C-alpha atoms as a PDB file:
ATOM      1  CA  UNK A   1       0.000   0.000   0.000  1.00  0.00           C
ATOM      2  CA  UNK A   2       1.329   3.425  -0.964  1.00  0.00           C
ATOM      3  CA  UNK A   3       0.939   6.528   1.182  1.00  0.00           C
ATOM      4  CA  UNK A   4       1.128  10.233   0.482  1.00  0.00           C
ATOM      5  CA  UNK A   5       2.848  12.547   2.934  1.00  0.00           C
ATOM      6  CA  UNK A   6       1.957  16.204   3.321  1.00  0.00           C
ATOM      7  CA  UNK A   7       4.731  18.015   5.187  1.00  0.00           C
ATOM      8  CA  UNK A   8       3.391  21.248   6.727  1.00  0.00           C
ATOM      9  CA  UNK A   9       5.613  24.105   7.848  1.00  0.00           C
ATOM     10  CA  UNK A  10       4.113  27.005   9.808  1.00  0.00           C
ATOM     11  CA  UNK A  11       5.335  30.542  10.401  1.00  0.00           C
ATOM     12  CA  UNK A  12       3.426  30.262  13.698  1.00  0.00           C
ATOM     13  CA  UNK A  13       0.543  28.155  14.928  1.00  0.00           C
ATOM     14  CA  UNK A  14      -1.434  27.982  18.157  1.00  0.00           C
ATOM     15  CA  UNK A  15      -2.019  24.605  19.773  1.00  0.00           C
ATOM     16  CA  UNK A  16      -5.766  24.753  19.157  1.00  0.00           C
ATOM     17  CA  UNK A  17      -5.170  25.575  15.476  1.00  0.00           C
ATOM     18  CA  UNK A  18      -2.760  22.648  15.182  1.00  0.00           C
ATOM     19  CA  UNK A  19      -5.371  20.300  16.650  1.00  0.00           C
ATOM     20  CA  UNK A  20      -8.254  21.681  14.573  1.00  0.00           C
ATOM     21  CA  UNK A  21      -6.279  21.261  11.350  1.00  0.00           C
ATOM     22  CA  UNK A  22      -5.349  17.671  12.237  1.00  0.00           C
ATOM     23  CA  UNK A  23      -8.993  16.906  13.046  1.00  0.00           C
ATOM     24  CA  UNK A  24     -10.118  18.377   9.730  1.00  0.00           C
ATOM     25  CA  UNK A  25      -7.523  16.345   7.827  1.00  0.00           C
ATOM     26  CA  UNK A  26      -8.591  13.189   9.670  1.00  0.00           C
ATOM     27  CA  UNK A  27     -12.146  13.807   8.452  1.00  0.00           C
ATOM     28  CA  UNK A  28     -10.946  13.619   4.827  1.00  0.00           C
ATOM     29  CA  UNK A  29      -8.929  10.425   5.182  1.00  0.00           C
ATOM     30  CA  UNK A  30      -5.573  11.275   6.789  1.00  0.00           C
ATOM     31  CA  UNK A  31      -4.846   8.658   9.436  1.00  0.00           C
ATOM     32  CA  UNK A  32      -1.347   9.288  10.817  1.00  0.00           C
ATOM     33  CA  UNK A  33       0.330  12.493  11.999  1.00  0.00           C
ATOM     34  CA  UNK A  34       3.888  13.148  13.146  1.00  0.00           C
ATOM     35  CA  UNK A  35       4.985  16.419  14.740  1.00  0.00           C
ATOM     36  CA  UNK A  36       8.134  17.980  13.293  1.00  0.00           C
ATOM     37  CA  UNK A  37      10.273  20.989  14.178  1.00  0.00           C
ATOM     38  CA  UNK A  38       8.583  23.021  11.451  1.00  0.00           C
ATOM     39  CA  UNK A  39       5.024  21.763  11.971  1.00  0.00           C
ATOM     40  CA  UNK A  40       3.760  18.258  11.276  1.00  0.00           C
ATOM     41  CA  UNK A  41       3.602  15.559   8.617  1.00  0.00           C
ATOM     42  CA  UNK A  42       0.221  14.117   7.671  1.00  0.00           C
ATOM     43  CA  UNK A  43      -0.099  10.713   5.998  1.00  0.00           C
ATOM     44  CA  UNK A  44      -2.942   9.324   3.901  1.00  0.00           C
ATOM     45  CA  UNK A  45      -3.361   6.156   1.845  1.00  0.00           C
ATOM     46  CA  UNK A  46      -2.633   7.279  -1.717  1.00  0.00           C
ATOM     47  CA  UNK A  47      -5.887   5.898  -3.102  1.00  0.00           C
ATOM     48  CA  UNK A  48      -7.836   7.737  -0.379  1.00  0.00           C
ATOM     49  CA  UNK A  49      -6.299  11.128  -1.141  1.00  0.00           C
ATOM     50  CA  UNK A  50      -8.838  13.536  -2.641  1.00  0.00           C
ATOM     51  CA  UNK A  51      -7.223  16.791  -3.726  1.00  0.00           C
ATOM     52  CA  UNK A  52     -10.530  18.684  -3.752  1.00  0.00           C
ATOM     53  CA  UNK A  53     -11.350  17.657  -0.181  1.00  0.00           C
ATOM     54  CA  UNK A  54      -7.807  18.507   0.898  1.00  0.00           C
ATOM     55  CA  UNK A  55      -7.976  21.967  -0.671  1.00  0.00           C
ATOM     56  CA  UNK A  56     -11.384  22.588   0.891  1.00  0.00           C
ATOM     57  CA  UNK A  57      -9.934  21.868   4.331  1.00  0.00           C
ATOM     58  CA  UNK A  58      -7.209  24.443   3.768  1.00  0.00           C
ATOM     59  CA  UNK A  59      -9.701  26.979   2.401  1.00  0.00           C
ATOM     60  CA  UNK A  60     -11.781  26.664   5.563  1.00  0.00           C
ATOM     61  CA  UNK A  61      -8.847  28.075   7.538  1.00  0.00           C
ATOM     62  CA  UNK A  62      -8.574  31.043   5.175  1.00  0.00           C
ATOM     63  CA  UNK A  63      -5.856  33.489   6.210  1.00  0.00           C
ATOM     64  CA  UNK A  64      -5.905  32.264   9.809  1.00  0.00           C
ATOM     65  CA  UNK A  65      -2.741  30.235   9.255  1.00  0.00           C
ATOM     66  CA  UNK A  66       0.480  31.026   7.437  1.00  0.00           C
ATOM     67  CA  UNK A  67       2.050  27.851   6.129  1.00  0.00           C
ATOM     68  CA  UNK A  68       3.661  26.002   3.273  1.00  0.00           C
ATOM     69  CA  UNK A  69       3.326  22.332   2.472  1.00  0.00           C
ATOM     70  CA  UNK A  70       4.955  19.721   0.265  1.00  0.00           C
ATOM     71  CA  UNK A  71       3.166  16.602  -0.963  1.00  0.00           C
ATOM     72  CA  UNK A  72       5.276  13.517  -1.646  1.00  0.00           C
ATOM     73  CA  UNK A  73       4.689   9.826  -2.291  1.00  0.00           C
ATOM     74  CA  UNK A  74       5.856   7.287   0.293  1.00  0.00           C
ATOM     75  CA  UNK A  75       6.590   3.910  -1.225  1.00  0.00           C
ATOM     76  CA  UNK A  76       5.851   0.901   0.988  1.00  0.00           C
ATOM     77  CA  UNK A  77       9.500  -0.025   1.303  1.00  0.00           C
ATOM     78  CA  UNK A  78      10.314   3.459   2.614  1.00  0.00           C
ATOM     79  CA  UNK A  79       7.754   3.468   5.417  1.00  0.00           C
ATOM     80  CA  UNK A  80      10.018   1.853   8.013  1.00  0.00           C
ATOM     81  CA  UNK A  81      12.679   4.480   7.366  1.00  0.00           C
ATOM     82  CA  UNK A  82      10.013   7.176   7.759  1.00  0.00           C
ATOM     83  CA  UNK A  83       8.671   6.039  11.136  1.00  0.00           C
ATOM     84  CA  UNK A  84      12.058   5.002  12.518  1.00  0.00           C
ATOM     85  CA  UNK A  85      13.178   8.627  12.207  1.00  0.00           C
ATOM     86  CA  UNK A  86      10.351   9.699  14.535  1.00  0.00           C
ATOM     87  CA  UNK A  87       9.729   6.647  16.732  1.00  0.00           C
ATOM     88  CA  UNK A  88      11.136   7.002  20.219  1.00  0.00           C
ATOM     89  CA  UNK A  89      10.331   4.729  23.185  1.00  0.00           C
ATOM     90  CA  UNK A  90       7.239   5.711  25.145  1.00  0.00           C
ATOM     91  CA  UNK A  91       6.402   5.290  28.839  1.00  0.00           C
ATOM     92  CA  UNK A  92       2.763   5.221  29.981  1.00  0.00           C
ATOM     93  CA  UNK A  93       2.120   6.054  33.676  1.00  0.00           C
ATOM     94  CA  UNK A  94       5.494   4.577  34.705  1.00  0.00           C
ATOM     95  CA  UNK A  95       4.108   1.068  34.121  1.00  0.00           C
ATOM     96  CA  UNK A  96       4.145   0.393  30.400  1.00  0.00           C
ATOM     97  CA  UNK A  97       7.141   0.735  28.101  1.00  0.00           C
ATOM     98  CA  UNK A  98       6.441   0.847  24.366  1.00  0.00           C
ATOM     99  CA  UNK A  99       9.366   0.328  22.030  1.00  0.00           C
ATOM    100  CA  UNK A 100      10.271  -0.750  18.530  1.00  0.00           C
ATOM    101  CA  UNK A 101      12.289  -3.833  17.697  1.00  0.00           C
ATOM    102  CA  UNK A 102      15.448  -1.746  17.352  1.00  0.00           C
ATOM    103  CA  UNK A 103      15.231  -0.304  20.904  1.00  0.00           C
ATOM    104  CA  UNK A 104      16.783  -1.936  23.969  1.00  0.00           C
ATOM    105  CA  UNK A 105      14.603  -3.815  26.435  1.00  0.00           C
ATOM    106  CA  UNK A 106      13.729  -2.122  29.734  1.00  0.00           C
ATOM    107  CA  UNK A 107      12.786  -4.958  32.134  1.00  0.00           C
ATOM    108  CA  UNK A 108      12.141  -2.590  35.054  1.00  0.00           C
ATOM    109  CA  UNK A 109       8.692  -1.792  33.640  1.00  0.00           C
ATOM    110  CA  UNK A 110       5.740  -4.009  34.510  1.00  0.00           C
ATOM    111  CA  UNK A 111       4.548  -4.171  30.900  1.00  0.00           C
ATOM    112  CA  UNK A 112       6.648  -3.964  27.745  1.00  0.00           C
ATOM    113  CA  UNK A 113       5.095  -3.749  24.291  1.00  0.00           C
ATOM    114  CA  UNK A 114       7.073  -4.091  21.071  1.00  0.00           C
ATOM    115  CA  UNK A 115       5.465  -2.410  18.063  1.00  0.00           C
ATOM    116  CA  UNK A 116       6.347  -2.540  14.378  1.00  0.00           C
ATOM    117  CA  UNK A 117       3.789  -0.195  12.772  1.00  0.00           C
ATOM    118  CA  UNK A 118       4.204  -1.223   9.091  1.00  0.00           C
ATOM    119  CA  UNK A 119       2.043   1.721   7.981  1.00  0.00           C
ATOM    120  CA  UNK A 120      -0.640   1.032  10.605  1.00  0.00           C
ATOM    121  CA  UNK A 121      -1.780   3.722  13.024  1.00  0.00           C
ATOM    122  CA  UNK A 122      -1.147   3.264  16.744  1.00  0.00           C
ATOM    123  CA  UNK A 123       2.299   3.372  18.307  1.00  0.00           C
ATOM    124  CA  UNK A 124       1.032   4.908  21.528  1.00  0.00           C
ATOM    125  CA  UNK A 125       2.501   8.306  20.727  1.00  0.00           C
ATOM    126  CA  UNK A 126      -0.763   9.902  19.656  1.00  0.00           C
ATOM    127  CA  UNK A 127      -2.709  11.446  22.537  1.00  0.00           C
ATOM    128  CA  UNK A 128      -5.775   9.281  21.912  1.00  0.00           C
ATOM    129  CA  UNK A 129      -3.803   6.026  22.071  1.00  0.00           C
ATOM    130  CA  UNK A 130      -1.952   7.190  25.179  1.00  0.00           C
ATOM    131  CA  UNK A 131      -5.208   7.955  27.011  1.00  0.00           C
ATOM    132  CA  UNK A 132      -6.765   4.642  26.020  1.00  0.00           C
ATOM    133  CA  UNK A 133      -3.690   2.858  27.372  1.00  0.00           C
ATOM    134  CA  UNK A 134      -4.008   4.823  30.606  1.00  0.00           C
ATOM    135  CA  UNK A 135      -7.594   3.624  30.951  1.00  0.00           C
ATOM    136  CA  UNK A 136      -6.512   0.016  30.346  1.00  0.00           C
ATOM    137  CA  UNK A 137      -3.855   0.330  33.049  1.00  0.00           C
ATOM    138  CA  UNK A 138      -6.351   1.820  35.520  1.00  0.00           C
ATOM    139  CA  UNK A 139      -9.158  -0.704  35.082  1.00  0.00           C
ATOM    140  CA  UNK A 140      -9.662  -4.426  35.613  1.00  0.00           C
ATOM    141  CA  UNK A 141      -9.235  -6.553  32.487  1.00  0.00           C
ATOM    142  CA  UNK A 142      -8.662  -9.919  34.200  1.00  0.00           C
ATOM    143  CA  UNK A 143     -10.834 -12.613  32.685  1.00  0.00           C
ATOM    144  CA  UNK A 144     -12.520 -10.191  30.265  1.00  0.00           C
ATOM    145  CA  UNK A 145     -13.634 -10.719  26.671  1.00  0.00           C
ATOM    146  CA  UNK A 146     -12.502  -7.583  24.814  1.00  0.00           C
ATOM    147  CA  UNK A 147     -13.482  -6.102  21.450  1.00  0.00           C
ATOM    148  CA  UNK A 148     -10.932  -3.654  19.989  1.00  0.00           C
ATOM    149  CA  UNK A 149     -12.387  -1.593  17.119  1.00  0.00           C
ATOM    150  CA  UNK A 150     -10.095   0.400  14.835  1.00  0.00           C
ATOM    151  CA  UNK A 151      -7.290  -1.732  16.216  1.00  0.00           C
ATOM    152  CA  UNK A 152      -4.457  -0.342  14.081  1.00  0.00           C
ATOM    153  CA  UNK A 153      -1.226  -1.957  15.233  1.00  0.00           C
ATOM    154  CA  UNK A 154      -3.099  -3.949  17.878  1.00  0.00           C
ATOM    155  CA  UNK A 155      -1.389  -2.078  20.707  1.00  0.00           C
ATOM    156  CA  UNK A 156      -4.524  -1.696  22.847  1.00  0.00           C
ATOM    157  CA  UNK A 157      -5.484  -5.338  22.512  1.00  0.00           C
ATOM    158  CA  UNK A 158      -1.925  -6.392  23.320  1.00  0.00           C
ATOM    159  CA  UNK A 159      -1.960  -4.330  26.510  1.00  0.00           C
ATOM    160  CA  UNK A 160      -5.414  -5.697  27.396  1.00  0.00           C
ATOM    161  CA  UNK A 161      -4.001  -9.222  27.062  1.00  0.00           C
ATOM    162  CA  UNK A 162      -1.040  -8.381  29.265  1.00  0.00           C
ATOM    163  CA  UNK A 163      -3.542  -7.011  31.808  1.00  0.00           C
ATOM    164  CA  UNK A 164      -5.277 -10.380  31.990  1.00  0.00           C
ATOM    165  CA  UNK A 165      -7.973 -10.355  29.288  1.00  0.00           C
ATOM    166  CA  UNK A 166      -8.857 -13.907  28.234  1.00  0.00           C
ATOM    167  CA  UNK A 167      -9.675 -13.115  24.599  1.00  0.00           C
ATOM    168  CA  UNK A 168      -9.348 -10.080  22.335  1.00  0.00           C
ATOM    169  CA  UNK A 169     -11.091  -9.579  18.989  1.00  0.00           C
ATOM    170  CA  UNK A 170      -9.223  -6.826  17.098  1.00  0.00           C
ATOM    171  CA  UNK A 171     -10.930  -5.352  14.024  1.00  0.00           C
ATOM    172  CA  UNK A 172      -9.710  -2.789  11.507  1.00  0.00           C
ATOM    173  CA  UNK A 173     -10.943  -2.016   7.993  1.00  0.00           C
ATOM    174  CA  UNK A 174      -7.407  -1.610   6.652  1.00  0.00           C
ATOM    175  CA  UNK A 175      -5.706  -4.818   5.503  1.00  0.00           C
ATOM    176  CA  UNK A 176      -2.306  -3.440   6.541  1.00  0.00           C
ATOM    177  CA  UNK A 177      -3.627  -2.904  10.071  1.00  0.00           C
ATOM    178  CA  UNK A 178      -5.172  -6.371  10.084  1.00  0.00           C
ATOM    179  CA  UNK A 179      -1.810  -7.940   9.250  1.00  0.00           C
ATOM    180  CA  UNK A 180       0.088  -5.571  11.547  1.00  0.00           C
ATOM    181  CA  UNK A 181      -2.013  -6.605  14.558  1.00  0.00           C
ATOM    182  CA  UNK A 182      -1.260 -10.262  13.847  1.00  0.00           C
ATOM    183  CA  UNK A 183       2.479  -9.603  13.560  1.00  0.00           C
ATOM    184  CA  UNK A 184       2.650  -7.386  16.644  1.00  0.00           C
ATOM    185  CA  UNK A 185       0.707  -9.927  18.698  1.00  0.00           C
ATOM    186  CA  UNK A 186       3.314 -12.516  17.701  1.00  0.00           C
ATOM    187  CA  UNK A 187       6.159 -10.115  18.557  1.00  0.00           C
ATOM    188  CA  UNK A 188       4.706  -9.813  22.057  1.00  0.00           C
ATOM    189  CA  UNK A 189       3.936 -13.542  22.397  1.00  0.00           C
ATOM    190  CA  UNK A 190       0.213 -12.817  22.607  1.00  0.00           C
ATOM    191  CA  UNK A 191      -1.777 -15.912  21.638  1.00  0.00           C
ATOM    192  CA  UNK A 192      -5.319 -14.842  22.561  1.00  0.00           C
ATOM    193  CA  UNK A 193      -5.758 -11.978  20.066  1.00  0.00           C
ATOM    194  CA  UNK A 194      -7.728 -12.599  16.872  1.00  0.00           C
ATOM    195  CA  UNK A 195      -7.332  -9.986  14.131  1.00  0.00           C
ATOM    196  CA  UNK A 196     -10.167  -9.436  11.620  1.00  0.00           C
ATOM    197  CA  UNK A 197     -10.337  -7.160   8.585  1.00  0.00           C
ATOM    198  CA  UNK A 198     -13.526  -5.139   8.215  1.00  0.00           C
ATOM    199  CA  UNK A 199     -15.861  -2.892  10.181  1.00  0.00           C
ATOM    200  CA  UNK A 200     -18.888  -3.348  12.425  1.00  0.00           C
ATOM    201  CA  UNK A 201     -20.291  -6.065  10.175  1.00  0.00           C
ATOM    202  CA  UNK A 202     -17.305  -8.280  11.105  1.00  0.00           C
ATOM    203  CA  UNK A 203     -17.965  -8.185  14.851  1.00  0.00           C
ATOM    204  CA  UNK A 204     -18.495 -11.766  16.053  1.00  0.00           C
ATOM    205  CA  UNK A 205     -21.774 -12.105  17.921  1.00  0.00           C
ATOM    206  CA  UNK A 206     -20.597 -12.537  21.486  1.00  0.00           C
ATOM    207  CA  UNK A 207     -21.261 -10.851  24.817  1.00  0.00           C
ATOM    208  CA  UNK A 208     -18.247  -8.581  25.340  1.00  0.00           C
ATOM    209  CA  UNK A 209     -17.154  -7.412  28.781  1.00  0.00           C
ATOM    210  CA  UNK A 210     -15.175  -4.463  27.423  1.00  0.00           C
ATOM    211  CA  UNK A 211     -15.090  -2.584  24.110  1.00  0.00           C
ATOM    212  CA  UNK A 212     -12.214  -0.328  23.029  1.00  0.00           C
ATOM    213  CA  UNK A 213     -12.930   2.018  20.110  1.00  0.00           C
ATOM    214  CA  UNK A 214     -10.282   4.577  19.169  1.00  0.00           C
ATOM    215  CA  UNK A 215     -11.469   5.748  15.750  1.00  0.00           C
ATOM    216  CA  UNK A 216     -13.113   9.126  15.057  1.00  0.00           C
ATOM    217  CA  UNK A 217     -16.320  10.906  15.962  1.00  0.00           C
ATOM    218  CA  UNK A 218     -18.322  10.147  12.828  1.00  0.00           C
ATOM    219  CA  UNK A 219     -17.524   6.432  12.788  1.00  0.00           C
ATOM    220  CA  UNK A 220     -18.247   6.159  16.510  1.00  0.00           C
ATOM    221  CA  UNK A 221     -21.616   7.850  16.091  1.00  0.00           C
ATOM    222  CA  UNK A 222     -22.435   5.365  13.340  1.00  0.00           C
ATOM    223  CA  UNK A 223     -21.298   2.307  15.294  1.00  0.00           C
ATOM    224  CA  UNK A 224     -22.341   3.002  18.905  1.00  0.00           C
ATOM    225  CA  UNK A 225     -25.676   1.226  18.445  1.00  0.00           C
ATOM    226  CA  UNK A 226     -23.864  -1.929  17.289  1.00  0.00           C
ATOM    227  CA  UNK A 227     -21.437  -1.752  20.209  1.00  0.00           C
ATOM    228  CA  UNK A 228     -24.298  -1.426  22.687  1.00  0.00           C
ATOM    229  CA  UNK A 229     -25.946  -4.555  21.286  1.00  0.00           C
ATOM    230  CA  UNK A 230     -22.906  -6.777  21.844  1.00  0.00           C
ATOM    231  CA  UNK A 231     -21.775  -5.277  25.172  1.00  0.00           C
ATOM    232  CA  UNK A 232     -22.767  -7.155  28.320  1.00  0.00           C
ATOM    233  CA  UNK A 233     -25.088  -5.561  30.831  1.00  0.00           C
ATOM    234  CA  UNK A 234     -22.795  -3.612  33.161  1.00  0.00           C
ATOM    235  CA  UNK A 235     -19.951  -3.818  30.628  1.00  0.00           C
ATOM    236  CA  UNK A 236     -17.497  -1.013  29.970  1.00  0.00           C
ATOM    237  CA  UNK A 237     -16.766   0.817  26.760  1.00  0.00           C
ATOM    238  CA  UNK A 238     -13.914   3.238  26.083  1.00  0.00           C
ATOM    239  CA  UNK A 239     -14.062   5.719  23.197  1.00  0.00           C
ATOM    240  CA  UNK A 240     -11.401   8.022  21.784  1.00  0.00           C
ATOM    241  CA  UNK A 241     -10.395   9.702  18.535  1.00  0.00           C
ATOM    242  CA  UNK A 242     -12.289  12.969  18.935  1.00  0.00           C
ATOM    243  CA  UNK A 243     -12.174  16.415  20.536  1.00  0.00           C
ATOM    244  CA  UNK A 244     -13.705  17.820  23.693  1.00  0.00           C
ATOM    245  CA  UNK A 245     -15.628  20.476  21.767  1.00  0.00           C
ATOM    246  CA  UNK A 246     -18.043  19.869  20.170  1.00  0.00           C
ATOM    247  CA  UNK A 247     -17.541  16.093  19.946  1.00  0.00           C
ATOM    248  CA  UNK A 248     -17.769  14.957  23.571  1.00  0.00           C
ATOM    249  CA  UNK A 249     -21.373  16.021  24.126  1.00  0.00           C
ATOM    250  CA  UNK A 250     -22.382  14.518  20.785  1.00  0.00           C
ATOM    251  CA  UNK A 251     -20.869  11.180  21.847  1.00  0.00           C
ATOM    252  CA  UNK A 252     -22.438  11.379  25.327  1.00  0.00           C
ATOM    253  CA  UNK A 253     -25.919  12.130  23.990  1.00  0.00           C
ATOM    254  CA  UNK A 254     -25.812   9.451  21.314  1.00  0.00           C
ATOM    255  CA  UNK A 255     -24.432   6.840  23.717  1.00  0.00           C
ATOM    256  CA  UNK A 256     -27.216   7.605  26.196  1.00  0.00           C
ATOM    257  CA  UNK A 257     -29.797   6.718  23.526  1.00  0.00           C
ATOM    258  CA  UNK A 258     -28.484   3.139  23.651  1.00  0.00           C
ATOM    259  CA  UNK A 259     -28.188   2.696  27.395  1.00  0.00           C
ATOM    260  CA  UNK A 260     -24.550   3.729  27.785  1.00  0.00           C
ATOM    261  CA  UNK A 261     -23.892   5.910  30.824  1.00  0.00           C
ATOM    262  CA  UNK A 262     -21.012   8.390  30.818  1.00  0.00           C
ATOM    263  CA  UNK A 263     -18.521   7.708  33.634  1.00  0.00           C
ATOM    264  CA  UNK A 264     -15.463   9.887  33.019  1.00  0.00           C
ATOM    265  CA  UNK A 265     -13.127  11.323  30.437  1.00  0.00           C
ATOM    266  CA  UNK A 266      -9.481  12.198  30.014  1.00  0.00           C
ATOM    267  CA  UNK A 267      -8.066  15.086  28.012  1.00  0.00           C
ATOM    268  CA  UNK A 268      -4.662  15.748  26.476  1.00  0.00           C
ATOM    269  CA  UNK A 269      -4.566  19.043  24.628  1.00  0.00           C
ATOM    270  CA  UNK A 270      -8.053  18.989  23.075  1.00  0.00           C
ATOM    271  CA  UNK A 271      -8.157  15.241  22.398  1.00  0.00           C
ATOM    272  CA  UNK A 272     -10.483  13.196  24.603  1.00  0.00           C
ATOM    273  CA  UNK A 273     -10.908   9.588  25.735  1.00  0.00           C
ATOM    274  CA  UNK A 274     -14.070   8.542  27.566  1.00  0.00           C
ATOM    275  CA  UNK A 275     -15.383   5.712  29.717  1.00  0.00           C
ATOM    276  CA  UNK A 276     -19.005   4.521  29.574  1.00  0.00           C
ATOM    277  CA  UNK A 277     -20.890   1.685  31.263  1.00  0.00           C
ATOM    278  CA  UNK A 278     -23.921  -0.140  29.935  1.00  0.00           C
ATOM    279  CA  UNK A 279     -26.969   0.163  32.156  1.00  0.00           C
ATOM    280  CA  UNK A 280     -27.563  -3.082  34.015  1.00  0.00           C
ATOM    281  CA  UNK A 281     -30.753  -4.895  33.103  1.00  0.00           C
END
């Protein structure tokens, strides 16, 4: 699979503008973002890149931002070089150490996760993934059946397994992500994670204890009803991939329509992760 990279350079940019632009690009297909000294790089599957949609996003910002950008093609064989330049080890709440295969082990941490992205989103560095991992570390996963939607590299499911989950179903609609989750599970000696390629229609009909869904607002709004149907009474669901304003209230209100009670949320910059529980019958 080929990607396009858009390298943005800004004369100046406020944090909220940075986040709003990334959110707008995510809405038109961009799925990975890497901060740089000059600004950030945005990546999109080449076949998903729509120049009209891209230009419309930039037009919406008008003269609010001063920037330049360069669009280039990223061949599959160059992806590892691209992410290796930006991938540094990550520590989550002093318990979980996330590294690539070329980093040294750090056995002092309770959990170690080895990730080889292979063009799949989810190394733990994005705020949404970090917050979801924090939730996994804070809550009980022992003996739980877990559904991981928009699984990307499989990092959330891998951590859920290390936290004691008995079975994880990881689903992503990107074939690269599907394969990446399988490979990363093997790297981490995880044997109870099943990776599936598709969307909500691929969810096996089971009664899940916990659902993890780190995607984006529009997909979550479309799929919440399906999640509620397969989540056990009293089960937990964690959402991320959206902003506090205006997205959080939209998610809360829609979730409530299907018996999902808001419990809490985390925030890093303007990104949000939330915890809900299904009303007990």
